[in-house]
Amino acid sequence: MKTPSSTDSLDGSRWSVPSPEVNSVFHWQYDGGRSRLLSLYEKGKTKQWDANTRLDWSLQVDPENPLGFPDFYVVLHGSQIWERMNAKERGEVRLHLDAWRFSQFLHGEQGALVCASRIVQTVPDLDAKFYAATQVFDEARHVEVFSRYCRQKLGLMYPINPDLRTLLGQALGDARWDLTYLAMQVLMEGLALAAFGLIRDFATEPLGRSLTAYVMQDEARHVAFGRLALKELYPRLTEKERDEREEFAVEACYLMRDRFQGQEVFERLGLDVEACTAHMRSSELMREYQKMLFSRIVPTLKDIGLWGQRLRGAFADMGVLEFGGLDTEEQGRADEDVAAELERLRGARDAYVASVSDEPPREAAH
């Protein structure tokens, strides 16, 4: 068998083994690393949790309103199509929209699983490999919980959205390791954090709220990981290289804003897709929702040094430039605090139930 050619670094600390798709990079020096990345690695180890014990899968979900959202939060609310529907038809729309939403979360998490494993292979620094390895396990758990929620609680699953497939293809189709970071850790994870946050903060169904809160606790670390790694790299890039990253980010952001609107649901339910889409485009709620999806992406891109005229102009056009002033680290701390409070309340509830039933409380997951 022919052995692929390889490249050693000048000081002998790294060895890059090329392949037609990506290069596998080894790092031969094991003495320490960057303190903040190693701190994230330690947190990644101690914050692992078991979906079987941390989430209460015995909770029942209303099939006509799985997340317990009021009608106002349904994207078709206020349209003539919605007004003509009876209660059963509206319940079917809610179920399918939530199934579509959680299906895309599920597919995105599998994409994150593959991307995280790619990062372990390609990133040149050992401390980054350490943390990325913990993220691989996190993403496997996220695939597990979203799959279980779709199958057991919603009983319905949608295929991957074509535009999400495009983004995943872009994240994995470039051999440069930082493009995988940018696409997944910053853009897609940032979008997911914002979408999860809206469910966590406004849904009334406890299982969906807890699931998204606990996943967000992990995702906050993942975004911090990408931010730390790219913040160190991007100032060293040439202007041409930064322009390439900004162009990629702009295209991805417009794609995420304009395309993830659930047209597949309208088609499947036999609704007038053109009328539904037109209503969503004119909906004030939808415009605010689309803006909020960028509340994690914009400050992170600014923090890592992708803040050129092209990107600022795109964010001004989208009406999200103001998010550049948000504190990304504070956002992450808040996500961890909410998950910790939910866990505290769950522990208190289990202890109370055990005290009145003479049964031992469930073992707390870490």
Protein backbone atom coordinates (compact mmCIF):
# COMPACT_ATOMS: atom_id res chain seq x y z
CA MET A 1 0.00 0.00 0.00
CA LYS A 2 1.32 3.42 -0.91
CA THR A 3 2.06 5.62 2.10
CA PRO A 4 0.75 9.21 1.76
CA SER A 5 3.32 11.96 1.88
CA SER A 6 3.41 13.93 5.11
CA THR A 7 4.71 17.23 6.37
CA ASP A 8 6.54 17.93 9.64
CA SER A 9 6.60 21.35 11.25
CA LEU A 10 9.96 23.11 11.37
CA ASP A 11 10.40 22.41 15.09
CA GLY A 12 9.22 18.81 14.79
CA SER A 13 6.21 19.33 17.08
CA ARG A 14 3.54 18.67 14.43
CA TRP A 15 3.01 16.10 11.74
CA SER A 16 0.44 16.59 9.01
CA VAL A 17 -0.77 13.56 7.04
CA PRO A 18 -2.63 14.68 3.91
CA SER A 19 -5.56 12.92 2.29
CA PRO A 20 -7.82 13.86 -0.63
CA GLU A 21 -10.38 15.31 1.80
CA VAL A 22 -8.59 16.74 4.85
CA ASN A 23 -5.23 16.63 6.56
CA SER A 24 -4.87 14.73 9.83
CA VAL A 25 -2.62 16.72 12.16
CA PHE A 26 -0.66 15.20 15.05
CA HIS A 27 0.91 17.28 17.81
CA TRP A 28 3.91 15.67 19.54
CA GLN A 29 4.39 18.10 22.44
CA TYR A 30 2.28 17.28 25.48
CA ASP A 31 3.46 19.82 28.02
CA GLY A 32 0.48 22.02 28.78
CA GLY A 33 -1.52 24.32 26.52
CA ARG A 34 -3.60 27.47 26.60
CA SER A 35 -5.17 27.91 30.03
CA ARG A 36 -8.60 29.03 28.84
CA LEU A 37 -8.98 26.13 26.43
CA LEU A 38 -7.79 23.67 29.07
CA SER A 39 -10.30 25.21 31.48
CA LEU A 40 -13.05 24.58 28.94
CA TYR A 41 -11.81 21.01 28.62
CA GLU A 42 -12.06 20.53 32.39
CA LYS A 43 -15.58 21.97 32.37
CA GLY A 44 -16.48 19.74 29.43
CA LYS A 45 -15.44 16.69 31.45
CA THR A 46 -17.30 17.63 34.62
CA LYS A 47 -20.50 18.87 32.94
CA GLN A 48 -21.38 15.61 31.19
CA TRP A 49 -24.94 14.41 31.83
CA ASP A 50 -27.09 11.39 31.16
CA ALA A 51 -30.25 12.02 29.13
CA ASN A 52 -31.94 9.02 30.76
CA THR A 53 -31.75 10.48 34.26
CA ARG A 54 -31.58 14.24 33.80
CA LEU A 55 -34.73 14.50 31.67
CA ASP A 56 -38.12 13.26 32.82
CA TRP A 57 -39.27 11.23 29.82
CA SER A 58 -42.46 10.21 31.63
CA LEU A 59 -43.92 13.67 31.02
CA GLN A 60 -46.79 13.67 28.55
CA VAL A 61 -46.78 16.07 25.59
CA ASP A 62 -49.97 17.52 24.12
CA PRO A 63 -49.92 16.50 20.43
CA GLU A 64 -51.98 19.56 19.50
CA ASN A 65 -49.57 21.96 21.22
CA PRO A 66 -46.30 20.12 22.00
CA LEU A 67 -44.41 23.11 23.42
CA GLY A 68 -47.37 24.85 25.03
CA PHE A 69 -46.94 28.03 22.99
CA PRO A 70 -49.88 30.45 22.80
CA ASP A 71 -51.39 30.94 19.33
CA PHE A 72 -49.55 34.24 18.98
CA TYR A 73 -46.25 32.39 18.54
CA VAL A 74 -47.50 30.24 15.63
CA VAL A 75 -46.03 31.63 12.41
CA LEU A 76 -49.39 31.53 10.60
CA HIS A 77 -51.27 33.33 13.38
CA GLY A 78 -53.19 36.30 12.03
CA SER A 79 -53.31 35.01 8.46
CA GLN A 80 -56.54 34.25 6.63
CA ILE A 81 -55.40 30.64 6.39
CA TRP A 82 -55.12 30.39 10.19
CA GLU A 83 -58.49 32.12 10.76
CA ARG A 84 -60.28 29.61 8.52
CA MET A 85 -58.90 26.61 10.45
CA ASN A 86 -60.82 24.74 13.13
CA ALA A 87 -59.21 23.67 16.43
CA LYS A 88 -58.13 20.27 15.11
CA GLU A 89 -56.47 21.77 12.03
CA ARG A 90 -54.63 24.34 14.15
CA GLY A 91 -53.38 21.57 16.42
CA GLU A 92 -52.09 19.70 13.38
CA VAL A 93 -50.20 22.80 12.22
CA ARG A 94 -48.62 23.23 15.67
CA LEU A 95 -47.53 19.59 15.78
CA HIS A 96 -46.01 19.66 12.31
CA LEU A 97 -44.22 22.99 12.86
CA ASP A 98 -42.70 21.74 16.12
CA ALA A 99 -41.77 18.40 14.51
CA TRP A 100 -40.12 20.25 11.63
CA ARG A 101 -38.26 22.52 14.04
CA PHE A 102 -37.00 19.70 16.24
CA SER A 103 -36.14 17.57 13.21
CA GLN A 104 -33.86 20.32 11.93
CA PHE A 105 -32.30 20.59 15.40
CA LEU A 106 -31.70 16.84 15.24
CA HIS A 107 -30.12 16.93 11.79
CA GLY A 108 -28.00 19.93 12.77
CA GLU A 109 -26.76 18.12 15.87
CA GLN A 110 -25.66 15.17 13.77
CA GLY A 111 -23.82 17.66 11.57
CA ALA A 112 -22.19 19.09 14.69
CA LEU A 113 -21.19 15.57 15.74
CA VAL A 114 -19.41 14.99 12.42
CA CYS A 115 -17.83 18.47 12.46
CA ALA A 116 -16.54 18.04 16.01
CA SER A 117 -14.90 14.76 15.08
CA ARG A 118 -13.38 16.49 12.04
CA ILE A 119 -11.96 19.19 14.31
CA VAL A 120 -10.26 16.56 16.50
CA GLN A 121 -8.60 15.27 13.35
CA THR A 122 -7.58 18.54 11.73
CA VAL A 123 -6.99 21.20 14.38
CA PRO A 124 -3.23 21.61 14.91
CA ASP A 125 -3.15 22.22 18.68
CA LEU A 126 -3.43 19.49 21.29
CA ASP A 127 -5.46 21.53 23.80
CA ALA A 128 -8.07 22.15 21.08
CA LYS A 129 -8.13 18.42 20.30
CA PHE A 130 -8.80 17.72 23.99
CA TYR A 131 -11.82 19.99 24.12
CA ALA A 132 -13.16 18.94 20.71
CA ALA A 133 -13.14 15.35 21.98
CA THR A 134 -15.53 16.31 24.80
CA GLN A 135 -17.73 18.06 22.26
CA VAL A 136 -18.00 14.87 20.20
CA PHE A 137 -19.64 13.17 23.19
CA ASP A 138 -21.87 16.21 23.82
CA GLU A 139 -23.12 16.17 20.24
CA ALA A 140 -23.81 12.43 20.37
CA ARG A 141 -25.98 13.07 23.44
CA HIS A 142 -27.81 15.89 21.64
CA VAL A 143 -28.58 13.61 18.71
CA GLU A 144 -29.89 11.08 21.23
CA VAL A 145 -32.24 13.50 23.02
CA PHE A 146 -33.64 15.23 19.93
CA SER A 147 -34.17 11.89 18.20
CA ARG A 148 -35.96 10.51 21.24
CA TYR A 149 -38.13 13.61 21.59
CA CYS A 150 -39.17 13.47 17.92
CA ARG A 151 -39.87 9.74 17.96
CA GLN A 152 -41.45 9.26 21.38
CA LYS A 153 -43.14 12.58 22.08
CA LEU A 154 -44.00 14.03 18.69
CA GLY A 155 -44.28 10.81 16.70
CA LEU A 156 -43.23 12.68 13.59
CA MET A 157 -39.98 13.59 11.87
CA TYR A 158 -39.08 15.69 8.84
CA PRO A 159 -36.15 15.22 6.43
CA ILE A 160 -33.25 17.64 6.54
CA ASN A 161 -34.05 21.06 5.09
CA PRO A 162 -32.18 21.56 1.76
CA ASP A 163 -30.60 24.80 3.00
CA LEU A 164 -29.37 23.17 6.20
CA ARG A 165 -27.88 20.46 4.01
CA THR A 166 -26.12 23.20 2.01
CA LEU A 167 -24.63 24.72 5.16
CA LEU A 168 -23.43 21.35 6.41
CA GLY A 169 -21.88 20.67 3.03
CA GLN A 170 -20.03 23.98 3.21
CA ALA A 171 -18.84 23.25 6.75
CA LEU A 172 -17.42 19.89 5.74
CA GLY A 173 -16.48 20.59 2.14
CA ASP A 174 -13.46 22.79 2.88
CA ALA A 175 -10.24 21.21 4.14
CA ARG A 176 -9.24 24.28 6.19
CA TRP A 177 -9.93 23.52 9.83
CA ASP A 178 -10.92 27.07 10.72
CA LEU A 179 -13.76 27.01 8.16
CA THR A 180 -15.25 24.04 10.00
CA TYR A 181 -14.98 26.03 13.23
CA LEU A 182 -16.54 29.12 11.65
CA ALA A 183 -19.43 27.31 10.01
CA MET A 184 -20.30 25.05 12.92
CA GLN A 185 -19.05 26.57 16.19
CA VAL A 186 -19.91 30.17 15.39
CA LEU A 187 -22.67 30.25 12.77
CA MET A 188 -24.74 27.10 13.16
CA GLU A 189 -24.23 26.66 16.91
CA GLY A 190 -24.91 30.37 17.39
CA LEU A 191 -28.16 30.14 15.44
CA ALA A 192 -29.15 27.02 17.37
CA LEU A 193 -28.46 28.71 20.72
CA ALA A 194 -30.78 31.57 19.86
CA ALA A 195 -33.52 29.21 18.62
CA PHE A 196 -33.19 26.98 21.69
CA GLY A 197 -33.32 30.05 23.92
CA LEU A 198 -36.68 31.14 22.56
CA ILE A 199 -38.12 27.71 23.36
CA ARG A 200 -36.49 27.60 26.79
CA ASP A 201 -37.74 31.06 27.72
CA PHE A 202 -41.26 31.06 26.23
CA ALA A 203 -42.53 27.47 25.98
CA THR A 204 -44.66 26.18 28.85
CA GLU A 205 -44.24 22.42 28.25
CA PRO A 206 -41.62 21.29 30.81
CA LEU A 207 -39.85 18.55 28.83
CA GLY A 208 -39.15 20.76 25.80
CA ARG A 209 -38.00 23.60 28.06
CA SER A 210 -35.64 21.38 30.06
CA LEU A 211 -34.26 19.63 26.99
CA THR A 212 -33.33 22.87 25.26
CA ALA A 213 -31.93 24.41 28.47
CA TYR A 214 -29.60 21.49 29.11
CA VAL A 215 -28.46 21.35 25.49
CA MET A 216 -27.79 25.11 25.64
CA GLN A 217 -25.55 24.57 28.66
CA ASP A 218 -23.34 22.42 26.42
CA GLU A 219 -23.63 24.63 23.35
CA ALA A 220 -22.49 27.70 25.29
CA ARG A 221 -19.17 25.93 25.89
CA HIS A 222 -18.94 24.93 22.22
CA VAL A 223 -19.35 28.50 21.00
CA ALA A 224 -16.78 29.65 23.57
CA PHE A 225 -14.40 27.00 22.20
CA GLY A 226 -14.77 28.24 18.64
CA ARG A 227 -14.47 31.84 19.75
CA LEU A 228 -11.23 31.28 21.66
CA ALA A 229 -9.59 29.32 18.85
CA LEU A 230 -10.55 31.71 16.05
CA LYS A 231 -9.90 34.86 18.06
CA GLU A 232 -6.26 33.83 18.23
CA LEU A 233 -6.01 32.80 14.58
CA TYR A 234 -7.89 35.46 12.61
CA PRO A 235 -5.73 38.49 13.49
CA ARG A 236 -2.81 36.60 11.90
CA LEU A 237 -4.58 36.03 8.58
CA THR A 238 -3.93 38.16 5.53
CA GLU A 239 -6.56 40.66 4.45
CA LYS A 240 -7.46 38.38 1.54
CA GLU A 241 -7.93 35.41 3.87
CA ARG A 242 -10.14 37.41 6.24
CA ASP A 243 -12.19 38.64 3.28
CA GLU A 244 -12.79 35.03 2.23
CA ARG A 245 -14.08 34.18 5.72
CA GLU A 246 -16.29 37.26 5.81
CA GLU A 247 -17.78 36.46 2.41
CA PHE A 248 -18.52 32.92 3.61
CA ALA A 249 -20.15 34.25 6.80
CA VAL A 250 -22.29 36.78 4.91
CA GLU A 251 -23.63 34.17 2.49
CA ALA A 252 -24.35 31.76 5.33
CA CYS A 253 -26.17 34.39 7.39
CA TYR A 254 -28.46 35.41 4.52
CA LEU A 255 -29.16 31.75 3.84
CA MET A 256 -30.10 31.13 7.46
CA ARG A 257 -32.28 34.23 7.64
CA ASP A 258 -34.21 33.78 4.42
CA ARG A 259 -34.61 30.05 3.98
CA PHE A 260 -35.40 28.25 7.24
CA GLN A 261 -39.13 29.02 7.20
CA GLY A 262 -40.77 25.60 7.23
CA GLN A 263 -42.18 25.54 3.70
CA GLU A 264 -41.99 21.73 3.87
CA VAL A 265 -44.71 21.81 6.54
CA PHE A 266 -47.06 23.85 4.37
CA GLU A 267 -46.51 21.51 1.45
CA ARG A 268 -47.09 18.39 3.56
CA LEU A 269 -50.33 19.76 5.03
CA GLY A 270 -51.64 20.80 1.62
CA LEU A 271 -51.69 24.51 2.45
CA ASP A 272 -51.16 27.36 0.00
CA VAL A 273 -47.35 27.61 0.25
CA GLU A 274 -47.17 30.96 -1.54
CA ALA A 275 -49.80 32.52 0.74
CA CYS A 276 -48.18 31.09 3.88
CA THR A 277 -44.75 32.37 2.83
CA ALA A 278 -46.15 35.80 1.96
CA HIS A 279 -47.74 36.07 5.40
CA MET A 280 -44.50 35.12 7.11
CA ARG A 281 -42.57 37.73 5.15
CA SER A 282 -45.00 40.44 6.26
CA SER A 283 -45.29 39.21 9.85
CA GLU A 284 -43.82 41.44 12.53
CA LEU A 285 -43.40 38.40 14.77
CA MET A 286 -41.42 36.59 12.09
CA ARG A 287 -39.18 39.62 11.50
CA GLU A 288 -38.40 39.84 15.21
CA TYR A 289 -37.81 36.09 15.39
CA GLN A 290 -35.38 36.23 12.46
CA LYS A 291 -33.53 39.09 14.11
CA MET A 292 -33.24 37.28 17.45
CA LEU A 293 -31.67 34.29 15.71
CA PHE A 294 -28.56 36.45 15.20
CA SER A 295 -28.23 37.58 18.81
CA ARG A 296 -25.45 35.01 19.37
CA ILE A 297 -23.79 35.10 15.94
CA VAL A 298 -23.19 38.85 15.58
CA PRO A 299 -21.26 39.47 18.85
CA THR A 300 -19.19 36.33 18.34
CA LEU A 301 -18.11 37.33 14.83
CA LYS A 302 -17.16 40.75 16.14
CA ASP A 303 -15.22 39.22 19.01
CA ILE A 304 -13.14 36.93 16.77
CA GLY A 305 -12.18 39.82 14.47
CA LEU A 306 -14.48 39.27 11.49
CA TRP A 307 -15.95 42.74 11.51
CA GLY A 308 -15.08 44.24 8.14
CA GLN A 309 -17.22 46.54 6.06
CA ARG A 310 -18.83 43.69 4.12
CA LEU A 311 -20.06 41.93 7.26
CA ARG A 312 -21.14 45.10 9.05
CA GLY A 313 -23.05 46.17 5.95
CA ALA A 314 -24.87 42.83 5.80
CA PHE A 315 -25.82 43.02 9.48
CA ALA A 316 -27.03 46.59 9.05
CA ASP A 317 -29.19 45.42 6.14
CA MET A 318 -30.63 42.64 8.34
CA GLY A 319 -31.26 45.06 11.20
CA VAL A 320 -29.05 43.09 13.62
CA LEU A 321 -25.94 45.26 13.83
CA GLU A 322 -26.93 46.35 17.35
CA PHE A 323 -26.20 42.83 18.64
CA GLY A 324 -22.50 43.54 18.14
CA GLY A 325 -22.52 45.24 21.54
CA LEU A 326 -23.64 42.14 23.45
CA ASP A 327 -21.25 40.34 25.79
CA THR A 328 -20.72 36.78 24.50
CA GLU A 329 -19.23 35.53 27.75
CA GLU A 330 -22.17 36.91 29.75
CA GLN A 331 -24.58 35.14 27.38
CA GLY A 332 -22.79 31.85 28.02
CA ARG A 333 -22.83 32.32 31.79
CA ALA A 334 -26.56 33.04 31.70
CA ASP A 335 -27.19 29.81 29.74
CA GLU A 336 -25.29 27.81 32.34
CA ASP A 337 -27.12 29.54 35.20
CA VAL A 338 -30.58 28.77 33.78
CA ALA A 339 -29.71 25.08 33.32
CA ALA A 340 -28.28 24.91 36.85
CA GLU A 341 -31.46 26.45 38.29
CA LEU A 342 -33.66 23.95 36.42
CA GLU A 343 -31.50 21.15 37.78
CA ARG A 344 -31.80 22.56 41.32
CA LEU A 345 -35.58 22.73 41.02
CA ARG A 346 -35.72 19.20 39.66
CA GLY A 347 -33.62 17.95 42.56
CA ALA A 348 -35.89 19.71 45.06
CA ARG A 349 -38.98 18.23 43.40
CA ASP A 350 -37.53 14.71 43.42
CA ALA A 351 -36.53 15.05 47.07
CA TYR A 352 -40.05 16.17 48.00
CA VAL A 353 -41.69 13.32 46.09
CA ALA A 354 -39.36 10.86 47.79
CA SER A 355 -40.14 12.32 51.23
CA VAL A 356 -43.89 11.80 50.83
CA SER A 357 -43.66 8.44 49.09
CA ASP A 358 -40.81 6.88 51.10
CA GLU A 359 -38.90 6.27 47.86
CA PRO A 360 -35.27 7.31 47.40
CA PRO A 361 -34.74 10.30 45.05
CA ARG A 362 -33.36 9.69 41.61
CA GLU A 363 -29.60 9.90 41.34
CA ALA A 364 -28.68 13.41 40.18
CA ALA A 365 -26.91 13.62 36.83
CA HIS A 366 -23.86 15.80 36.50
